[in-house]
Amino acid sequence: MMEIPFSNEELKEAVSSVLEEIRPMLQMDGGDVTLIDVRKPIVFVQLQGGCVGCASAGATLKYGIEKALKEKIHPELKVMNVPHGFEDRLDELLKYSFGI
């Protein structure tokens, strides 16, 4: 595993920039994405609008958002969707999903 040579704050700025590039694609389908937090290597986002409950949401996360972040910022980044109501419970999500 490679070390990610950026602080969480530096990553937040870079991730926000990439999300802005992706946003029009999501909005064309009635969706959107919000950056919740970055705790390297995990980028916490929340799918919005038409993306919520969409059958393609998993593919959008993995092959749209995560792929772009890996290509443009760092190959070790992983994206996690934060369910509505869990914005303040990221530690719980990490423990549940990754055993961290």
PDB file of N, CA and C in Angstrom:
ATOM      1  N   MET A   1       0.833  -1.189   0.000  1.00  0.00           N
ATOM      2  CA  MET A   1       0.000   0.000   0.000  1.00  0.00           C
ATOM      3  C   MET A   1       0.878   1.252   0.000  1.00  0.00           C
ATOM      4  N   MET A   2       0.527   2.204  -0.824  1.00  0.00           N
ATOM      5  CA  MET A   2       1.270   3.463  -0.865  1.00  0.00           C
ATOM      6  C   MET A   2       0.693   4.426   0.156  1.00  0.00           C
ATOM      7  N   GLU A   3       1.567   5.230   0.725  1.00  0.00           N
ATOM      8  CA  GLU A   3       1.114   6.266   1.651  1.00  0.00           C
ATOM      9  C   GLU A   3       0.514   7.419   0.853  1.00  0.00           C
ATOM     10  N   ILE A   4      -0.593   7.936   1.288  1.00  0.00           N
ATOM     11  CA  ILE A   4      -1.209   9.092   0.631  1.00  0.00           C
ATOM     12  C   ILE A   4      -0.511  10.338   1.170  1.00  0.00           C
ATOM     13  N   PRO A   5       0.213  11.070   0.303  1.00  0.00           N
ATOM     14  CA  PRO A   5       1.071  12.166   0.773  1.00  0.00           C
ATOM     15  C   PRO A   5       0.351  13.499   0.982  1.00  0.00           C
ATOM     16  N   PHE A   6      -0.908  13.454   1.353  1.00  0.00           N
ATOM     17  CA  PHE A   6      -1.678  14.676   1.563  1.00  0.00           C
ATOM     18  C   PHE A   6      -2.349  14.605   2.927  1.00  0.00           C
ATOM     19  N   SER A   7      -2.576  15.763   3.531  1.00  0.00           N
ATOM     20  CA  SER A   7      -3.368  15.792   4.764  1.00  0.00           C
ATOM     21  C   SER A   7      -4.837  15.623   4.388  1.00  0.00           C
ATOM     22  N   ASN A   8      -5.666  15.330   5.381  1.00  0.00           N
ATOM     23  CA  ASN A   8      -7.104  15.228   5.114  1.00  0.00           C
ATOM     24  C   ASN A   8      -7.654  16.530   4.549  1.00  0.00           C
ATOM     25  N   GLU A   9      -7.163  17.669   5.060  1.00  0.00           N
ATOM     26  CA  GLU A   9      -7.645  18.975   4.571  1.00  0.00           C
ATOM     27  C   GLU A   9      -7.255  19.206   3.119  1.00  0.00           C
ATOM     28  N   GLU A  10      -6.010  18.845   2.766  1.00  0.00           N
ATOM     29  CA  GLU A  10      -5.573  18.987   1.375  1.00  0.00           C
ATOM     30  C   GLU A  10      -6.398  18.096   0.459  1.00  0.00           C
ATOM     31  N   LEU A  11      -6.676  16.875   0.932  1.00  0.00           N
ATOM     32  CA  LEU A  11      -7.495  15.960   0.143  1.00  0.00           C
ATOM     33  C   LEU A  11      -8.905  16.503  -0.046  1.00  0.00           C
ATOM     34  N   LYS A  12      -9.472  17.113   0.997  1.00  0.00           N
ATOM     35  CA  LYS A  12     -10.822  17.679   0.900  1.00  0.00           C
ATOM     36  C   LYS A  12     -10.916  18.668  -0.254  1.00  0.00           C
ATOM     37  N   GLU A  13      -9.910  19.541  -0.368  1.00  0.00           N
ATOM     38  CA  GLU A  13      -9.916  20.529  -1.451  1.00  0.00           C
ATOM     39  C   GLU A  13      -9.858  19.850  -2.808  1.00  0.00           C
ATOM     40  N   ALA A  14      -8.958  18.887  -2.954  1.00  0.00           N
ATOM     41  CA  ALA A  14      -8.819  18.183  -4.229  1.00  0.00           C
ATOM     42  C   ALA A  14     -10.079  17.389  -4.566  1.00  0.00           C
ATOM     43  N   VAL A  15     -10.641  16.709  -3.567  1.00  0.00           N
ATOM     44  CA  VAL A  15     -11.854  15.922  -3.775  1.00  0.00           C
ATOM     45  C   VAL A  15     -13.010  16.839  -4.183  1.00  0.00           C
ATOM     46  N   SER A  16     -13.154  17.978  -3.521  1.00  0.00           N
ATOM     47  CA  SER A  16     -14.219  18.930  -3.873  1.00  0.00           C
ATOM     48  C   SER A  16     -14.112  19.345  -5.333  1.00  0.00           C
ATOM     49  N   SER A  17     -12.893  19.580  -5.778  1.00  0.00           N
ATOM     50  CA  SER A  17     -12.666  19.986  -7.161  1.00  0.00           C
ATOM     51  C   SER A  17     -13.099  18.887  -8.140  1.00  0.00           C
ATOM     52  N   VAL A  18     -12.743  17.644  -7.850  1.00  0.00           N
ATOM     53  CA  VAL A  18     -13.127  16.532  -8.724  1.00  0.00           C
ATOM     54  C   VAL A  18     -14.641  16.326  -8.691  1.00  0.00           C
ATOM     55  N   LEU A  19     -15.255  16.460  -7.519  1.00  0.00           N
ATOM     56  CA  LEU A  19     -16.717  16.309  -7.433  1.00  0.00           C
ATOM     57  C   LEU A  19     -17.425  17.363  -8.267  1.00  0.00           C
ATOM     58  N   GLU A  20     -16.858  18.572  -8.320  1.00  0.00           N
ATOM     59  CA  GLU A  20     -17.452  19.623  -9.153  1.00  0.00           C
ATOM     60  C   GLU A  20     -17.430  19.228 -10.627  1.00  0.00           C
ATOM     61  N   GLU A  21     -16.377  18.526 -11.040  1.00  0.00           N
ATOM     62  CA  GLU A  21     -16.285  18.057 -12.432  1.00  0.00           C
ATOM     63  C   GLU A  21     -17.326  16.976 -12.724  1.00  0.00           C
ATOM     64  N   ILE A  22     -17.599  16.134 -11.739  1.00  0.00           N
ATOM     65  CA  ILE A  22     -18.524  15.002 -11.904  1.00  0.00           C
ATOM     66  C   ILE A  22     -19.988  15.441 -11.764  1.00  0.00           C
ATOM     67  N   ARG A  23     -20.211  16.469 -10.977  1.00  0.00           N
ATOM     68  CA  ARG A  23     -21.565  16.907 -10.620  1.00  0.00           C
ATOM     69  C   ARG A  23     -22.529  17.016 -11.809  1.00  0.00           C
ATOM     70  N   PRO A  24     -22.130  17.641 -12.936  1.00  0.00           N
ATOM     71  CA  PRO A  24     -23.085  17.754 -14.058  1.00  0.00           C
ATOM     72  C   PRO A  24     -23.599  16.405 -14.554  1.00  0.00           C
ATOM     73  N   MET A  25     -22.749  15.381 -14.548  1.00  0.00           N
ATOM     74  CA  MET A  25     -23.168  14.044 -14.970  1.00  0.00           C
ATOM     75  C   MET A  25     -24.259  13.514 -14.042  1.00  0.00           C
ATOM     76  N   LEU A  26     -24.084  13.716 -12.739  1.00  0.00           N
ATOM     77  CA  LEU A  26     -25.084  13.253 -11.768  1.00  0.00           C
ATOM     78  C   LEU A  26     -26.382  14.046 -11.896  1.00  0.00           C
ATOM     79  N   GLN A  27     -26.243  15.345 -12.096  1.00  0.00           N
ATOM     80  CA  GLN A  27     -27.423  16.205 -12.168  1.00  0.00           C
ATOM     81  C   GLN A  27     -28.260  15.930 -13.412  1.00  0.00           C
ATOM     82  N   MET A  28     -27.618  15.434 -14.480  1.00  0.00           N
ATOM     83  CA  MET A  28     -28.381  15.090 -15.691  1.00  0.00           C
ATOM     84  C   MET A  28     -29.408  13.999 -15.396  1.00  0.00           C
ATOM     85  N   ASP A  29     -29.111  13.153 -14.414  1.00  0.00           N
ATOM     86  CA  ASP A  29     -30.022  12.077 -14.038  1.00  0.00           C
ATOM     87  C   ASP A  29     -30.837  12.417 -12.798  1.00  0.00           C
ATOM     88  N   GLY A  30     -30.835  13.701 -12.395  1.00  0.00           N
ATOM     89  CA  GLY A  30     -31.625  14.135 -11.246  1.00  0.00           C
ATOM     90  C   GLY A  30     -30.962  13.887  -9.904  1.00  0.00           C
ATOM     91  N   GLY A  31     -29.678  13.569  -9.914  1.00  0.00           N
ATOM     92  CA  GLY A  31     -28.969  13.297  -8.670  1.00  0.00           C
ATOM     93  C   GLY A  31     -27.947  14.371  -8.345  1.00  0.00           C
ATOM     94  N   ASP A  32     -27.199  14.128  -7.288  1.00  0.00           N
ATOM     95  CA  ASP A  32     -26.134  15.037  -6.880  1.00  0.00           C
ATOM     96  C   ASP A  32     -25.305  14.306  -5.825  1.00  0.00           C
ATOM     97  N   VAL A  33     -24.217  14.945  -5.409  1.00  0.00           N
ATOM     98  CA  VAL A  33     -23.353  14.357  -4.391  1.00  0.00           C
ATOM     99  C   VAL A  33     -22.843  15.470  -3.488  1.00  0.00           C
ATOM    100  N   THR A  34     -22.740  15.176  -2.186  1.00  0.00           N
ATOM    101  CA  THR A  34     -22.208  16.120  -1.205  1.00  0.00           C
ATOM    102  C   THR A  34     -21.004  15.474  -0.535  1.00  0.00           C
ATOM    103  N   LEU A  35     -19.927  16.228  -0.388  1.00  0.00           N
ATOM    104  CA  LEU A  35     -18.759  15.746   0.340  1.00  0.00           C
ATOM    105  C   LEU A  35     -19.027  15.925   1.829  1.00  0.00           C
ATOM    106  N   ILE A  36     -18.956  14.828   2.586  1.00  0.00           N
ATOM    107  CA  ILE A  36     -19.194  14.878   4.026  1.00  0.00           C
ATOM    108  C   ILE A  36     -17.876  15.068   4.774  1.00  0.00           C
ATOM    109  N   ASP A  37     -16.862  14.247   4.453  1.00  0.00           N
ATOM    110  CA  ASP A  37     -15.581  14.335   5.148  1.00  0.00           C
ATOM    111  C   ASP A  37     -14.556  13.488   4.415  1.00  0.00           C
ATOM    112  N   VAL A  38     -13.288  13.689   4.771  1.00  0.00           N
ATOM    113  CA  VAL A  38     -12.202  12.850   4.262  1.00  0.00           C
ATOM    114  C   VAL A  38     -11.376  12.395   5.455  1.00  0.00           C
ATOM    115  N   ARG A  39     -11.230  11.094   5.576  1.00  0.00           N
ATOM    116  CA  ARG A  39     -10.342  10.492   6.577  1.00  0.00           C
ATOM    117  C   ARG A  39      -9.552   9.445   5.807  1.00  0.00           C
ATOM    118  N   LYS A  40      -8.405   9.880   5.311  1.00  0.00           N
ATOM    119  CA  LYS A  40      -7.686   9.031   4.361  1.00  0.00           C
ATOM    120  C   LYS A  40      -7.506   7.618   4.865  1.00  0.00           C
ATOM    121  N   PRO A  41      -7.721   6.659   3.980  1.00  0.00           N
ATOM    122  CA  PRO A  41      -7.964   6.780   2.544  1.00  0.00           C
ATOM    123  C   PRO A  41      -9.443   6.870   2.170  1.00  0.00           C
ATOM    124  N   ILE A  42     -10.335   7.070   3.150  1.00  0.00           N
ATOM    125  CA  ILE A  42     -11.776   7.059   2.880  1.00  0.00           C
ATOM    126  C   ILE A  42     -12.298   8.465   2.610  1.00  0.00           C
ATOM    127  N   VAL A  43     -13.059   8.585   1.514  1.00  0.00           N
ATOM    128  CA  VAL A  43     -13.765   9.820   1.184  1.00  0.00           C
ATOM    129  C   VAL A  43     -15.244   9.541   1.445  1.00  0.00           C
ATOM    130  N   PHE A  44     -15.821  10.284   2.375  1.00  0.00           N
ATOM    131  CA  PHE A  44     -17.232  10.114   2.718  1.00  0.00           C
ATOM    132  C   PHE A  44     -18.071  11.084   1.898  1.00  0.00           C
ATOM    133  N   VAL A  45     -18.975  10.542   1.114  1.00  0.00           N
ATOM    134  CA  VAL A  45     -19.878  11.369   0.328  1.00  0.00           C
ATOM    135  C   VAL A  45     -21.318  10.948   0.637  1.00  0.00           C
ATOM    136  N   GLN A  46     -22.245  11.788   0.232  1.00  0.00           N
ATOM    137  CA  GLN A  46     -23.651  11.439   0.384  1.00  0.00           C
ATOM    138  C   GLN A  46     -24.333  11.697  -0.949  1.00  0.00           C
ATOM    139  N   LEU A  47     -24.895  10.638  -1.510  1.00  0.00           N
ATOM    140  CA  LEU A  47     -25.639  10.789  -2.755  1.00  0.00           C
ATOM    141  C   LEU A  47     -26.950  11.502  -2.451  1.00  0.00           C
ATOM    142  N   GLN A  48     -27.364  12.344  -3.372  1.00  0.00           N
ATOM    143  CA  GLN A  48     -28.546  13.185  -3.175  1.00  0.00           C
ATOM    144  C   GLN A  48     -29.539  12.987  -4.321  1.00  0.00           C
ATOM    145  N   GLY A  49     -30.744  13.478  -4.114  1.00  0.00           N
ATOM    146  CA  GLY A  49     -31.756  13.524  -5.168  1.00  0.00           C
ATOM    147  C   GLY A  49     -32.052  12.163  -5.765  1.00  0.00           C
ATOM    148  N   GLY A  50     -32.028  12.105  -7.096  1.00  0.00           N
ATOM    149  CA  GLY A  50     -32.364  10.875  -7.812  1.00  0.00           C
ATOM    150  C   GLY A  50     -31.418   9.721  -7.546  1.00  0.00           C
ATOM    151  N   CYS A  51     -30.228  10.010  -6.998  1.00  0.00           N
ATOM    152  CA  CYS A  51     -29.264   8.939  -6.690  1.00  0.00           C
ATOM    153  C   CYS A  51     -29.704   8.116  -5.485  1.00  0.00           C
ATOM    154  N   VAL A  52     -30.478   8.713  -4.585  1.00  0.00           N
ATOM    155  CA  VAL A  52     -30.904   8.018  -3.369  1.00  0.00           C
ATOM    156  C   VAL A  52     -31.866   6.900  -3.761  1.00  0.00           C
ATOM    157  N   GLY A  53     -31.490   5.678  -3.446  1.00  0.00           N
ATOM    158  CA  GLY A  53     -32.343   4.534  -3.744  1.00  0.00           C
ATOM    159  C   GLY A  53     -32.262   4.050  -5.183  1.00  0.00           C
ATOM    160  N   CYS A  54     -31.439   4.686  -6.001  1.00  0.00           N
ATOM    161  CA  CYS A  54     -31.308   4.278  -7.401  1.00  0.00           C
ATOM    162  C   CYS A  54     -30.527   2.975  -7.481  1.00  0.00           C
ATOM    163  N   ALA A  55     -30.958   2.077  -8.360  1.00  0.00           N
ATOM    164  CA  ALA A  55     -30.291   0.787  -8.519  1.00  0.00           C
ATOM    165  C   ALA A  55     -28.850   0.950  -9.006  1.00  0.00           C
ATOM    166  N   SER A  56     -28.547   2.047  -9.668  1.00  0.00           N
ATOM    167  CA  SER A  56     -27.195   2.272 -10.188  1.00  0.00           C
ATOM    168  C   SER A  56     -26.300   3.044  -9.225  1.00  0.00           C
ATOM    169  N   ALA A  57     -26.785   3.345  -8.024  1.00  0.00           N
ATOM    170  CA  ALA A  57     -26.010   4.165  -7.080  1.00  0.00           C
ATOM    171  C   ALA A  57     -24.658   3.536  -6.750  1.00  0.00           C
ATOM    172  N   GLY A  58     -24.617   2.229  -6.558  1.00  0.00           N
ATOM    173  CA  GLY A  58     -23.353   1.556  -6.257  1.00  0.00           C
ATOM    174  C   GLY A  58     -22.357   1.693  -7.387  1.00  0.00           C
ATOM    175  N   ALA A  59     -22.833   1.543  -8.614  1.00  0.00           N
ATOM    176  CA  ALA A  59     -21.963   1.699  -9.784  1.00  0.00           C
ATOM    177  C   ALA A  59     -21.496   3.147  -9.923  1.00  0.00           C
ATOM    178  N   THR A  60     -22.376   4.085  -9.626  1.00  0.00           N
ATOM    179  CA  THR A  60     -22.004   5.504  -9.681  1.00  0.00           C
ATOM    180  C   THR A  60     -20.883   5.786  -8.694  1.00  0.00           C
ATOM    181  N   LEU A  61     -20.998   5.242  -7.485  1.00  0.00           N
ATOM    182  CA  LEU A  61     -19.955   5.439  -6.474  1.00  0.00           C
ATOM    183  C   LEU A  61     -18.629   4.836  -6.917  1.00  0.00           C
ATOM    184  N   LYS A  62     -18.651   3.569  -7.324  1.00  0.00           N
ATOM    185  CA  LYS A  62     -17.427   2.821  -7.608  1.00  0.00           C
ATOM    186  C   LYS A  62     -16.805   3.222  -8.949  1.00  0.00           C
ATOM    187  N   TYR A  63     -17.616   3.240  -9.999  1.00  0.00           N
ATOM    188  CA  TYR A  63     -17.071   3.423 -11.352  1.00  0.00           C
ATOM    189  C   TYR A  63     -17.168   4.854 -11.857  1.00  0.00           C
ATOM    190  N   GLY A  64     -17.837   5.705 -11.107  1.00  0.00           N
ATOM    191  CA  GLY A  64     -17.901   7.114 -11.463  1.00  0.00           C
ATOM    192  C   GLY A  64     -17.044   7.932 -10.523  1.00  0.00           C
ATOM    193  N   ILE A  65     -17.526   8.092  -9.301  1.00  0.00           N
ATOM    194  CA  ILE A  65     -16.864   8.961  -8.324  1.00  0.00           C
ATOM    195  C   ILE A  65     -15.512   8.393  -7.884  1.00  0.00           C
ATOM    196  N   GLU A  66     -15.489   7.147  -7.399  1.00  0.00           N
ATOM    197  CA  GLU A  66     -14.231   6.579  -6.892  1.00  0.00           C
ATOM    198  C   GLU A  66     -13.178   6.483  -7.996  1.00  0.00           C
ATOM    199  N   LYS A  67     -13.576   6.063  -9.184  1.00  0.00           N
ATOM    200  CA  LYS A  67     -12.639   5.941 -10.303  1.00  0.00           C
ATOM    201  C   LYS A  67     -12.004   7.289 -10.626  1.00  0.00           C
ATOM    202  N   ALA A  68     -12.813   8.336 -10.672  1.00  0.00           N
ATOM    203  CA  ALA A  68     -12.296   9.677 -10.965  1.00  0.00           C
ATOM    204  C   ALA A  68     -11.322  10.143  -9.885  1.00  0.00           C
ATOM    205  N   LEU A  69     -11.666   9.897  -8.619  1.00  0.00           N
ATOM    206  CA  LEU A  69     -10.792  10.311  -7.520  1.00  0.00           C
ATOM    207  C   LEU A  69      -9.462   9.553  -7.558  1.00  0.00           C
ATOM    208  N   LYS A  70      -9.522   8.256  -7.872  1.00  0.00           N
ATOM    209  CA  LYS A  70      -8.295   7.456  -7.957  1.00  0.00           C
ATOM    210  C   LYS A  70      -7.415   7.936  -9.103  1.00  0.00           C
ATOM    211  N   GLU A  71      -8.028   8.245 -10.239  1.00  0.00           N
ATOM    212  CA  GLU A  71      -7.260   8.682 -11.413  1.00  0.00           C
ATOM    213  C   GLU A  71      -6.680  10.076 -11.225  1.00  0.00           C
ATOM    214  N   LYS A  72      -7.449  10.974 -10.653  1.00  0.00           N
ATOM    215  CA  LYS A  72      -7.045  12.384 -10.596  1.00  0.00           C
ATOM    216  C   LYS A  72      -6.283  12.769  -9.331  1.00  0.00           C
ATOM    217  N   ILE A  73      -6.446  11.977  -8.242  1.00  0.00           N
ATOM    218  CA  ILE A  73      -5.811  12.364  -6.974  1.00  0.00           C
ATOM    219  C   ILE A  73      -4.842  11.299  -6.482  1.00  0.00           C
ATOM    220  N   HIS A  74      -5.350  10.095  -6.150  1.00  0.00           N
ATOM    221  CA  HIS A  74      -4.480   9.045  -5.607  1.00  0.00           C
ATOM    222  C   HIS A  74      -5.173   7.684  -5.739  1.00  0.00           C
ATOM    223  N   PRO A  75      -4.433   6.656  -6.183  1.00  0.00           N
ATOM    224  CA  PRO A  75      -5.046   5.345  -6.431  1.00  0.00           C
ATOM    225  C   PRO A  75      -5.523   4.588  -5.199  1.00  0.00           C
ATOM    226  N   GLU A  76      -5.145   5.030  -4.000  1.00  0.00           N
ATOM    227  CA  GLU A  76      -5.558   4.321  -2.782  1.00  0.00           C
ATOM    228  C   GLU A  76      -6.885   4.825  -2.203  1.00  0.00           C
ATOM    229  N   LEU A  77      -7.455   5.882  -2.765  1.00  0.00           N
ATOM    230  CA  LEU A  77      -8.692   6.446  -2.203  1.00  0.00           C
ATOM    231  C   LEU A  77      -9.860   5.487  -2.378  1.00  0.00           C
ATOM    232  N   LYS A  78     -10.730   5.477  -1.394  1.00  0.00           N
ATOM    233  CA  LYS A  78     -11.965   4.688  -1.434  1.00  0.00           C
ATOM    234  C   LYS A  78     -13.120   5.620  -1.088  1.00  0.00           C
ATOM    235  N   VAL A  79     -14.255   5.384  -1.728  1.00  0.00           N
ATOM    236  CA  VAL A  79     -15.422   6.229  -1.497  1.00  0.00           C
ATOM    237  C   VAL A  79     -16.475   5.444  -0.731  1.00  0.00           C
ATOM    238  N   MET A  80     -17.057   6.103   0.264  1.00  0.00           N
ATOM    239  CA  MET A  80     -18.132   5.493   1.038  1.00  0.00           C
ATOM    240  C   MET A  80     -19.334   6.435   1.039  1.00  0.00           C
ATOM    241  N   ASN A  81     -20.500   5.895   0.692  1.00  0.00           N
ATOM    242  CA  ASN A  81     -21.719   6.682   0.762  1.00  0.00           C
ATOM    243  C   ASN A  81     -22.212   6.712   2.210  1.00  0.00           C
ATOM    244  N   VAL A  82     -22.542   7.894   2.684  1.00  0.00           N
ATOM    245  CA  VAL A  82     -23.036   8.079   4.043  1.00  0.00           C
ATOM    246  C   VAL A  82     -24.562   8.153   3.982  1.00  0.00           C
ATOM    247  N   PRO A  83     -25.255   7.168   4.553  1.00  0.00           N
ATOM    248  CA  PRO A  83     -26.713   7.223   4.541  1.00  0.00           C
ATOM    249  C   PRO A  83     -27.215   8.480   5.251  1.00  0.00           C
ATOM    250  N   HIS A  84     -28.345   8.989   4.788  1.00  0.00           N
ATOM    251  CA  HIS A  84     -28.937  10.160   5.435  1.00  0.00           C
ATOM    252  C   HIS A  84     -29.205   9.837   6.898  1.00  0.00           C
ATOM    253  N   GLY A  85     -28.796  10.751   7.780  1.00  0.00           N
ATOM    254  CA  GLY A  85     -28.941  10.545   9.215  1.00  0.00           C
ATOM    255  C   GLY A  85     -27.665  10.031   9.878  1.00  0.00           C
ATOM    256  N   PHE A  86     -26.656   9.662   9.084  1.00  0.00           N
ATOM    257  CA  PHE A  86     -25.404   9.137   9.631  1.00  0.00           C
ATOM    258  C   PHE A  86     -24.244  10.117   9.480  1.00  0.00           C
ATOM    259  N   GLU A  87     -24.522  11.358   9.138  1.00  0.00           N
ATOM    260  CA  GLU A  87     -23.462  12.339   8.900  1.00  0.00           C
ATOM    261  C   GLU A  87     -22.547  12.531  10.109  1.00  0.00           C
ATOM    262  N   ASP A  88     -23.091  12.377  11.310  1.00  0.00           N
ATOM    263  CA  ASP A  88     -22.298  12.551  12.528  1.00  0.00           C
ATOM    264  C   ASP A  88     -21.873  11.215  13.140  1.00  0.00           C
ATOM    265  N   ARG A  89     -21.995  10.141  12.369  1.00  0.00           N
ATOM    266  CA  ARG A  89     -21.676   8.804  12.895  1.00  0.00           C
ATOM    267  C   ARG A  89     -20.681   8.085  11.987  1.00  0.00           C
ATOM    268  N   LEU A  90     -19.688   8.819  11.475  1.00  0.00           N
ATOM    269  CA  LEU A  90     -18.728   8.248  10.537  1.00  0.00           C
ATOM    270  C   LEU A  90     -17.892   7.146  11.177  1.00  0.00           C
ATOM    271  N   ASP A  91     -17.561   7.299  12.457  1.00  0.00           N
ATOM    272  CA  ASP A  91     -16.789   6.261  13.145  1.00  0.00           C
ATOM    273  C   ASP A  91     -17.536   4.934  13.154  1.00  0.00           C
ATOM    274  N   GLU A  92     -18.848   5.008  13.356  1.00  0.00           N
ATOM    275  CA  GLU A  92     -19.682   3.804  13.335  1.00  0.00           C
ATOM    276  C   GLU A  92     -19.647   3.146  11.963  1.00  0.00           C
ATOM    277  N   LEU A  93     -19.734   3.965  10.920  1.00  0.00           N
ATOM    278  CA  LEU A  93     -19.712   3.436   9.557  1.00  0.00           C
ATOM    279  C   LEU A  93     -18.376   2.759   9.262  1.00  0.00           C
ATOM    280  N   LEU A  94     -17.280   3.380   9.689  1.00  0.00           N
ATOM    281  CA  LEU A  94     -15.958   2.794   9.474  1.00  0.00           C
ATOM    282  C   LEU A  94     -15.844   1.430  10.159  1.00  0.00           C
ATOM    283  N   LYS A  95     -16.295   1.391  11.397  1.00  0.00           N
ATOM    284  CA  LYS A  95     -16.208   0.155  12.172  1.00  0.00           C
ATOM    285  C   LYS A  95     -17.047  -0.940  11.523  1.00  0.00           C
ATOM    286  N   TYR A  96     -18.245  -0.589  11.119  1.00  0.00           N
ATOM    287  CA  TYR A  96     -19.148  -1.553  10.516  1.00  0.00           C
ATOM    288  C   TYR A  96     -18.629  -2.047   9.170  1.00  0.00           C
ATOM    289  N   SER A  97     -18.118  -1.125   8.344  1.00  0.00           N
ATOM    290  CA  SER A  97     -17.715  -1.468   6.981  1.00  0.00           C
ATOM    291  C   SER A  97     -16.310  -2.032   6.873  1.00  0.00           C
ATOM    292  N   PHE A  98     -15.397  -1.527   7.688  1.00  0.00           N
ATOM    293  CA  PHE A  98     -13.999  -1.901   7.527  1.00  0.00           C
ATOM    294  C   PHE A  98     -13.368  -2.488   8.785  1.00  0.00           C
ATOM    295  N   GLY A  99     -14.118  -2.534   9.884  1.00  0.00           N
ATOM    296  CA  GLY A  99     -13.563  -3.044  11.126  1.00  0.00           C
ATOM    297  C   GLY A  99     -12.495  -2.134  11.715  1.00  0.00           C
ATOM    298  N   ILE A 100     -12.526  -0.859  11.304  1.00  0.00           N
ATOM    299  CA  ILE A 100     -11.523   0.113  11.779  1.00  0.00           C
ATOM    300  C   ILE A 100     -11.971   0.713  13.104  1.00  0.00           C
TER     301      ILE A 100
END
